[in-house]
Amino acid sequence: MPYLTKIFAEVDGATTINELVQFFYSLMKTRNGSGLDDWLERVIASGVRELRNFAQGIRKDDDAVLAGISEP
């Protein structure tokens, strides 16, 4: 069994964390700032404390983060 598959099977929340991290990576890579609010809502709803804390930090400086994701 590949390492990540084993982690996803055995660690509660690992699949959710991976999906959220990949979604955020995609936003940054494609410069899709319009998806930031959706991502933030999904993170808050996920209940993953560490990602929720990260999202709350982003909310404190939302305009700068949005510009950083959207602009070259």
PDB file of N, CA and C in Angstrom:
ATOM      1  N   MET A   1       0.859  -1.179   0.000  1.00  0.00           N
ATOM      2  CA  MET A   1       0.000   0.000   0.000  1.00  0.00           C
ATOM      3  C   MET A   1       0.903   1.241   0.000  1.00  0.00           C
ATOM      4  N   PRO A   2       0.710   2.138  -0.975  1.00  0.00           N
ATOM      5  CA  PRO A   2       1.517   3.362  -0.993  1.00  0.00           C
ATOM      6  C   PRO A   2       1.357   4.150   0.307  1.00  0.00           C
ATOM      7  N   TYR A   3       2.390   4.865   0.648  1.00  0.00           N
ATOM      8  CA  TYR A   3       2.465   5.590   1.913  1.00  0.00           C
ATOM      9  C   TYR A   3       1.284   6.534   2.121  1.00  0.00           C
ATOM     10  N   LEU A   4       0.984   7.384   1.137  1.00  0.00           N
ATOM     11  CA  LEU A   4      -0.120   8.327   1.305  1.00  0.00           C
ATOM     12  C   LEU A   4      -1.462   7.630   1.410  1.00  0.00           C
ATOM     13  N   THR A   5      -1.655   6.585   0.665  1.00  0.00           N
ATOM     14  CA  THR A   5      -2.904   5.833   0.742  1.00  0.00           C
ATOM     15  C   THR A   5      -3.096   5.288   2.152  1.00  0.00           C
ATOM     16  N   LYS A   6      -2.026   4.806   2.742  1.00  0.00           N
ATOM     17  CA  LYS A   6      -2.090   4.287   4.104  1.00  0.00           C
ATOM     18  C   LYS A   6      -2.432   5.399   5.096  1.00  0.00           C
ATOM     19  N   ILE A   7      -1.812   6.552   4.931  1.00  0.00           N
ATOM     20  CA  ILE A   7      -2.114   7.682   5.819  1.00  0.00           C
ATOM     21  C   ILE A   7      -3.580   8.075   5.689  1.00  0.00           C
ATOM     22  N   PHE A   8      -4.062   8.212   4.436  1.00  0.00           N
ATOM     23  CA  PHE A   8      -5.458   8.601   4.228  1.00  0.00           C
ATOM     24  C   PHE A   8      -6.417   7.589   4.850  1.00  0.00           C
ATOM     25  N   ALA A   9      -6.052   6.329   4.833  1.00  0.00           N
ATOM     26  CA  ALA A   9      -6.909   5.281   5.392  1.00  0.00           C
ATOM     27  C   ALA A   9      -6.875   5.250   6.912  1.00  0.00           C
ATOM     28  N   GLU A  10      -5.745   5.616   7.502  1.00  0.00           N
ATOM     29  CA  GLU A  10      -5.570   5.419   8.943  1.00  0.00           C
ATOM     30  C   GLU A  10      -5.647   6.683   9.792  1.00  0.00           C
ATOM     31  N   VAL A  11      -5.492   7.841   9.194  1.00  0.00           N
ATOM     32  CA  VAL A  11      -5.474   9.083   9.969  1.00  0.00           C
ATOM     33  C   VAL A  11      -6.767   9.855   9.721  1.00  0.00           C
ATOM     34  N   ASP A  12      -7.530  10.040  10.788  1.00  0.00           N
ATOM     35  CA  ASP A  12      -8.783  10.793  10.680  1.00  0.00           C
ATOM     36  C   ASP A  12      -8.510  12.202  10.170  1.00  0.00           C
ATOM     37  N   GLY A  13      -9.239  12.597   9.159  1.00  0.00           N
ATOM     38  CA  GLY A  13      -9.142  13.945   8.634  1.00  0.00           C
ATOM     39  C   GLY A  13      -8.050  14.158   7.600  1.00  0.00           C
ATOM     40  N   ALA A  14      -7.197  13.176   7.379  1.00  0.00           N
ATOM     41  CA  ALA A  14      -6.080  13.356   6.446  1.00  0.00           C
ATOM     42  C   ALA A  14      -6.567  13.634   5.021  1.00  0.00           C
ATOM     43  N   THR A  15      -7.615  12.957   4.597  1.00  0.00           N
ATOM     44  CA  THR A  15      -8.141  13.184   3.255  1.00  0.00           C
ATOM     45  C   THR A  15      -8.686  14.603   3.127  1.00  0.00           C
ATOM     46  N   THR A  16      -9.405  15.055   4.132  1.00  0.00           N
ATOM     47  CA  THR A  16      -9.958  16.408   4.129  1.00  0.00           C
ATOM     48  C   THR A  16      -8.842  17.447   4.097  1.00  0.00           C
ATOM     49  N   ILE A  17      -7.833  17.247   4.926  1.00  0.00           N
ATOM     50  CA  ILE A  17      -6.702  18.177   4.958  1.00  0.00           C
ATOM     51  C   ILE A  17      -6.028  18.223   3.596  1.00  0.00           C
ATOM     52  N   ASN A  18      -5.796  17.070   3.007  1.00  0.00           N
ATOM     53  CA  ASN A  18      -5.161  17.016   1.694  1.00  0.00           C
ATOM     54  C   ASN A  18      -5.989  17.759   0.647  1.00  0.00           C
ATOM     55  N   GLU A  19      -7.287  17.536   0.646  1.00  0.00           N
ATOM     56  CA  GLU A  19      -8.151  18.204  -0.326  1.00  0.00           C
ATOM     57  C   GLU A  19      -8.107  19.722  -0.162  1.00  0.00           C
ATOM     58  N   LEU A  20      -8.139  20.186   1.081  1.00  0.00           N
ATOM     59  CA  LEU A  20      -8.120  21.626   1.337  1.00  0.00           C
ATOM     60  C   LEU A  20      -6.779  22.251   0.954  1.00  0.00           C
ATOM     61  N   VAL A  21      -5.706  21.573   1.257  1.00  0.00           N
ATOM     62  CA  VAL A  21      -4.379  22.075   0.901  1.00  0.00           C
ATOM     63  C   VAL A  21      -4.212  22.107  -0.615  1.00  0.00           C
ATOM     64  N   GLN A  22      -4.675  21.051  -1.301  1.00  0.00           N
ATOM     65  CA  GLN A  22      -4.582  21.009  -2.754  1.00  0.00           C
ATOM     66  C   GLN A  22      -5.440  22.103  -3.392  1.00  0.00           C
ATOM     67  N   PHE A  23      -6.595  22.360  -2.818  1.00  0.00           N
ATOM     68  CA  PHE A  23      -7.479  23.421  -3.312  1.00  0.00           C
ATOM     69  C   PHE A  23      -6.783  24.777  -3.187  1.00  0.00           C
ATOM     70  N   PHE A  24      -6.169  25.039  -2.030  1.00  0.00           N
ATOM     71  CA  PHE A  24      -5.461  26.302  -1.821  1.00  0.00           C
ATOM     72  C   PHE A  24      -4.285  26.425  -2.789  1.00  0.00           C
ATOM     73  N   TYR A  25      -3.554  25.344  -2.975  1.00  0.00           N
ATOM     74  CA  TYR A  25      -2.442  25.331  -3.924  1.00  0.00           C
ATOM     75  C   TYR A  25      -2.942  25.681  -5.330  1.00  0.00           C
ATOM     76  N   SER A  26      -4.067  25.106  -5.706  1.00  0.00           N
ATOM     77  CA  SER A  26      -4.640  25.379  -7.015  1.00  0.00           C
ATOM     78  C   SER A  26      -5.020  26.851  -7.163  1.00  0.00           C
ATOM     79  N   LEU A  27      -5.592  27.434  -6.105  1.00  0.00           N
ATOM     80  CA  LEU A  27      -5.932  28.860  -6.142  1.00  0.00           C
ATOM     81  C   LEU A  27      -4.691  29.699  -6.407  1.00  0.00           C
ATOM     82  N   MET A  28      -3.627  29.378  -5.718  1.00  0.00           N
ATOM     83  CA  MET A  28      -2.400  30.153  -5.874  1.00  0.00           C
ATOM     84  C   MET A  28      -1.768  29.937  -7.246  1.00  0.00           C
ATOM     85  N   LYS A  29      -1.731  28.696  -7.681  1.00  0.00           N
ATOM     86  CA  LYS A  29      -1.082  28.374  -8.953  1.00  0.00           C
ATOM     87  C   LYS A  29      -1.816  29.005 -10.136  1.00  0.00           C
ATOM     88  N   THR A  30      -3.143  29.007 -10.082  1.00  0.00           N
ATOM     89  CA  THR A  30      -3.943  29.539 -11.185  1.00  0.00           C
ATOM     90  C   THR A  30      -4.313  31.008 -10.992  1.00  0.00           C
ATOM     91  N   ARG A  31      -3.868  31.572  -9.873  1.00  0.00           N
ATOM     92  CA  ARG A  31      -4.175  32.976  -9.526  1.00  0.00           C
ATOM     93  C   ARG A  31      -5.686  33.216  -9.514  1.00  0.00           C
ATOM     94  N   ASN A  32      -6.388  32.287  -8.871  1.00  0.00           N
ATOM     95  CA  ASN A  32      -7.847  32.332  -8.811  1.00  0.00           C
ATOM     96  C   ASN A  32      -8.296  32.889  -7.465  1.00  0.00           C
ATOM     97  N   GLY A  33      -8.147  34.190  -7.302  1.00  0.00           N
ATOM     98  CA  GLY A  33      -8.552  34.825  -6.052  1.00  0.00           C
ATOM     99  C   GLY A  33     -10.040  34.732  -5.786  1.00  0.00           C
ATOM    100  N   SER A  34     -10.826  34.555  -6.839  1.00  0.00           N
ATOM    101  CA  SER A  34     -12.278  34.483  -6.651  1.00  0.00           C
ATOM    102  C   SER A  34     -12.689  33.233  -5.875  1.00  0.00           C
ATOM    103  N   GLY A  35     -11.824  32.234  -5.803  1.00  0.00           N
ATOM    104  CA  GLY A  35     -12.138  31.022  -5.049  1.00  0.00           C
ATOM    105  C   GLY A  35     -11.732  31.074  -3.591  1.00  0.00           C
ATOM    106  N   LEU A  36     -11.094  32.177  -3.172  1.00  0.00           N
ATOM    107  CA  LEU A  36     -10.588  32.265  -1.796  1.00  0.00           C
ATOM    108  C   LEU A  36     -11.693  32.191  -0.753  1.00  0.00           C
ATOM    109  N   ASP A  37     -12.782  32.919  -0.955  1.00  0.00           N
ATOM    110  CA  ASP A  37     -13.867  32.897   0.036  1.00  0.00           C
ATOM    111  C   ASP A  37     -14.449  31.498   0.190  1.00  0.00           C
ATOM    112  N   ASP A  38     -14.626  30.792  -0.930  1.00  0.00           N
ATOM    113  CA  ASP A  38     -15.131  29.418  -0.876  1.00  0.00           C
ATOM    114  C   ASP A  38     -14.177  28.535  -0.073  1.00  0.00           C
ATOM    115  N   TRP A  39     -12.878  28.680  -0.339  1.00  0.00           N
ATOM    116  CA  TRP A  39     -11.883  27.882   0.379  1.00  0.00           C
ATOM    117  C   TRP A  39     -11.922  28.194   1.870  1.00  0.00           C
ATOM    118  N   LEU A  40     -11.986  29.476   2.220  1.00  0.00           N
ATOM    119  CA  LEU A  40     -12.027  29.864   3.631  1.00  0.00           C
ATOM    120  C   LEU A  40     -13.251  29.264   4.330  1.00  0.00           C
ATOM    121  N   GLU A  41     -14.392  29.305   3.674  1.00  0.00           N
ATOM    122  CA  GLU A  41     -15.607  28.727   4.258  1.00  0.00           C
ATOM    123  C   GLU A  41     -15.459  27.222   4.449  1.00  0.00           C
ATOM    124  N   ARG A  42     -14.881  26.541   3.472  1.00  0.00           N
ATOM    125  CA  ARG A  42     -14.677  25.095   3.576  1.00  0.00           C
ATOM    126  C   ARG A  42     -13.720  24.760   4.722  1.00  0.00           C
ATOM    127  N   VAL A  43     -12.681  25.565   4.874  1.00  0.00           N
ATOM    128  CA  VAL A  43     -11.721  25.331   5.956  1.00  0.00           C
ATOM    129  C   VAL A  43     -12.390  25.512   7.308  1.00  0.00           C
ATOM    130  N   ILE A  44     -13.129  26.596   7.483  1.00  0.00           N
ATOM    131  CA  ILE A  44     -13.815  26.850   8.755  1.00  0.00           C
ATOM    132  C   ILE A  44     -14.769  25.698   9.071  1.00  0.00           C
ATOM    133  N   ALA A  45     -15.501  25.228   8.064  1.00  0.00           N
ATOM    134  CA  ALA A  45     -16.464  24.141   8.246  1.00  0.00           C
ATOM    135  C   ALA A  45     -15.786  22.794   8.500  1.00  0.00           C
ATOM    136  N   SER A  46     -14.540  22.660   8.088  1.00  0.00           N
ATOM    137  CA  SER A  46     -13.855  21.365   8.198  1.00  0.00           C
ATOM    138  C   SER A  46     -13.582  20.948   9.638  1.00  0.00           C
ATOM    139  N   GLY A  47     -13.430  21.934  10.506  1.00  0.00           N
ATOM    140  CA  GLY A  47     -13.116  21.615  11.894  1.00  0.00           C
ATOM    141  C   GLY A  47     -11.652  21.290  12.149  1.00  0.00           C
ATOM    142  N   VAL A  48     -10.802  21.424  11.131  1.00  0.00           N
ATOM    143  CA  VAL A  48      -9.371  21.164  11.302  1.00  0.00           C
ATOM    144  C   VAL A  48      -8.761  22.412  11.929  1.00  0.00           C
ATOM    145  N   ARG A  49      -8.409  22.311  13.197  1.00  0.00           N
ATOM    146  CA  ARG A  49      -7.976  23.462  13.977  1.00  0.00           C
ATOM    147  C   ARG A  49      -6.830  24.239  13.328  1.00  0.00           C
ATOM    148  N   GLU A  50      -5.811  23.549  12.877  1.00  0.00           N
ATOM    149  CA  GLU A  50      -4.639  24.227  12.321  1.00  0.00           C
ATOM    150  C   GLU A  50      -4.979  24.999  11.047  1.00  0.00           C
ATOM    151  N   LEU A  51      -5.774  24.391  10.184  1.00  0.00           N
ATOM    152  CA  LEU A  51      -6.186  25.084   8.968  1.00  0.00           C
ATOM    153  C   LEU A  51      -7.161  26.213   9.286  1.00  0.00           C
ATOM    154  N   ARG A  52      -8.011  25.999  10.274  1.00  0.00           N
ATOM    155  CA  ARG A  52      -8.945  27.049  10.688  1.00  0.00           C
ATOM    156  C   ARG A  52      -8.177  28.264  11.209  1.00  0.00           C
ATOM    157  N   ASN A  53      -7.124  28.031  12.003  1.00  0.00           N
ATOM    158  CA  ASN A  53      -6.311  29.133  12.509  1.00  0.00           C
ATOM    159  C   ASN A  53      -5.627  29.872  11.358  1.00  0.00           C
ATOM    160  N   PHE A  54      -5.134  29.124  10.378  1.00  0.00           N
ATOM    161  CA  PHE A  54      -4.519  29.720   9.193  1.00  0.00           C
ATOM    162  C   PHE A  54      -5.540  30.577   8.451  1.00  0.00           C
ATOM    163  N   ALA A  55      -6.743  30.062   8.282  1.00  0.00           N
ATOM    164  CA  ALA A  55      -7.804  30.792   7.581  1.00  0.00           C
ATOM    165  C   ALA A  55      -8.181  32.067   8.332  1.00  0.00           C
ATOM    166  N   GLN A  56      -8.231  31.997   9.644  1.00  0.00           N
ATOM    167  CA  GLN A  56      -8.554  33.188  10.426  1.00  0.00           C
ATOM    168  C   GLN A  56      -7.475  34.255  10.264  1.00  0.00           C
ATOM    169  N   GLY A  57      -6.218  33.830  10.143  1.00  0.00           N
ATOM    170  CA  GLY A  57      -5.138  34.767   9.879  1.00  0.00           C
ATOM    171  C   GLY A  57      -5.284  35.417   8.514  1.00  0.00           C
ATOM    172  N   ILE A  58      -5.700  34.636   7.543  1.00  0.00           N
ATOM    173  CA  ILE A  58      -5.934  35.185   6.198  1.00  0.00           C
ATOM    174  C   ILE A  58      -7.054  36.212   6.243  1.00  0.00           C
ATOM    175  N   ARG A  59      -8.107  35.911   6.978  1.00  0.00           N
ATOM    176  CA  ARG A  59      -9.243  36.835   7.075  1.00  0.00           C
ATOM    177  C   ARG A  59      -8.824  38.191   7.654  1.00  0.00           C
ATOM    178  N   LYS A  60      -7.822  38.196   8.529  1.00  0.00           N
ATOM    179  CA  LYS A  60      -7.371  39.453   9.137  1.00  0.00           C
ATOM    180  C   LYS A  60      -6.744  40.387   8.108  1.00  0.00           C
ATOM    181  N   ASP A  61      -6.192  39.833   7.048  1.00  0.00           N
ATOM    182  CA  ASP A  61      -5.564  40.643   6.009  1.00  0.00           C
ATOM    183  C   ASP A  61      -6.049  40.176   4.641  1.00  0.00           C
ATOM    184  N   ASP A  62      -7.346  40.044   4.539  1.00  0.00           N
ATOM    185  CA  ASP A  62      -8.004  39.472   3.366  1.00  0.00           C
ATOM    186  C   ASP A  62      -7.620  40.176   2.060  1.00  0.00           C
ATOM    187  N   ASP A  63      -7.603  41.499   2.068  1.00  0.00           N
ATOM    188  CA  ASP A  63      -7.302  42.237   0.838  1.00  0.00           C
ATOM    189  C   ASP A  63      -5.897  41.945   0.325  1.00  0.00           C
ATOM    190  N   ALA A  64      -4.929  41.917   1.216  1.00  0.00           N
ATOM    191  CA  ALA A  64      -3.547  41.652   0.811  1.00  0.00           C
ATOM    192  C   ALA A  64      -3.388  40.225   0.299  1.00  0.00           C
ATOM    193  N   VAL A  65      -4.030  39.270   0.964  1.00  0.00           N
ATOM    194  CA  VAL A  65      -3.931  37.874   0.527  1.00  0.00           C
ATOM    195  C   VAL A  65      -4.612  37.704  -0.827  1.00  0.00           C
ATOM    196  N   LEU A  66      -5.761  38.314  -0.984  1.00  0.00           N
ATOM    197  CA  LEU A  66      -6.473  38.251  -2.266  1.00  0.00           C
ATOM    198  C   LEU A  66      -5.621  38.842  -3.386  1.00  0.00           C
ATOM    199  N   ALA A  67      -4.988  39.958  -3.134  1.00  0.00           N
ATOM    200  CA  ALA A  67      -4.110  40.570  -4.134  1.00  0.00           C
ATOM    201  C   ALA A  67      -2.917  39.652  -4.424  1.00  0.00           C
ATOM    202  N   GLY A  68      -2.372  39.055  -3.387  1.00  0.00           N
ATOM    203  CA  GLY A  68      -1.233  38.162  -3.559  1.00  0.00           C
ATOM    204  C   GLY A  68      -1.560  36.929  -4.386  1.00  0.00           C
ATOM    205  N   ILE A  69      -2.778  36.462  -4.262  1.00  0.00           N
ATOM    206  CA  ILE A  69      -3.198  35.286  -5.040  1.00  0.00           C
ATOM    207  C   ILE A  69      -3.565  35.690  -6.468  1.00  0.00           C
ATOM    208  N   SER A  70      -4.201  36.845  -6.627  1.00  0.00           N
ATOM    209  CA  SER A  70      -4.756  37.230  -7.920  1.00  0.00           C
ATOM    210  C   SER A  70      -3.771  37.898  -8.869  1.00  0.00           C
ATOM    211  N   GLU A  71      -2.838  38.648  -8.328  1.00  0.00           N
ATOM    212  CA  GLU A  71      -1.948  39.438  -9.173  1.00  0.00           C
ATOM    213  C   GLU A  71      -0.613  38.731  -9.405  1.00  0.00           C
ATOM    214  N   PRO A  72      -0.020  38.988 -10.577  1.00  0.00           N
ATOM    215  CA  PRO A  72       1.299  38.359 -10.856  1.00  0.00           C
ATOM    216  C   PRO A  72       2.409  38.914  -9.955  1.00  0.00           C
TER     217      PRO A  72
END
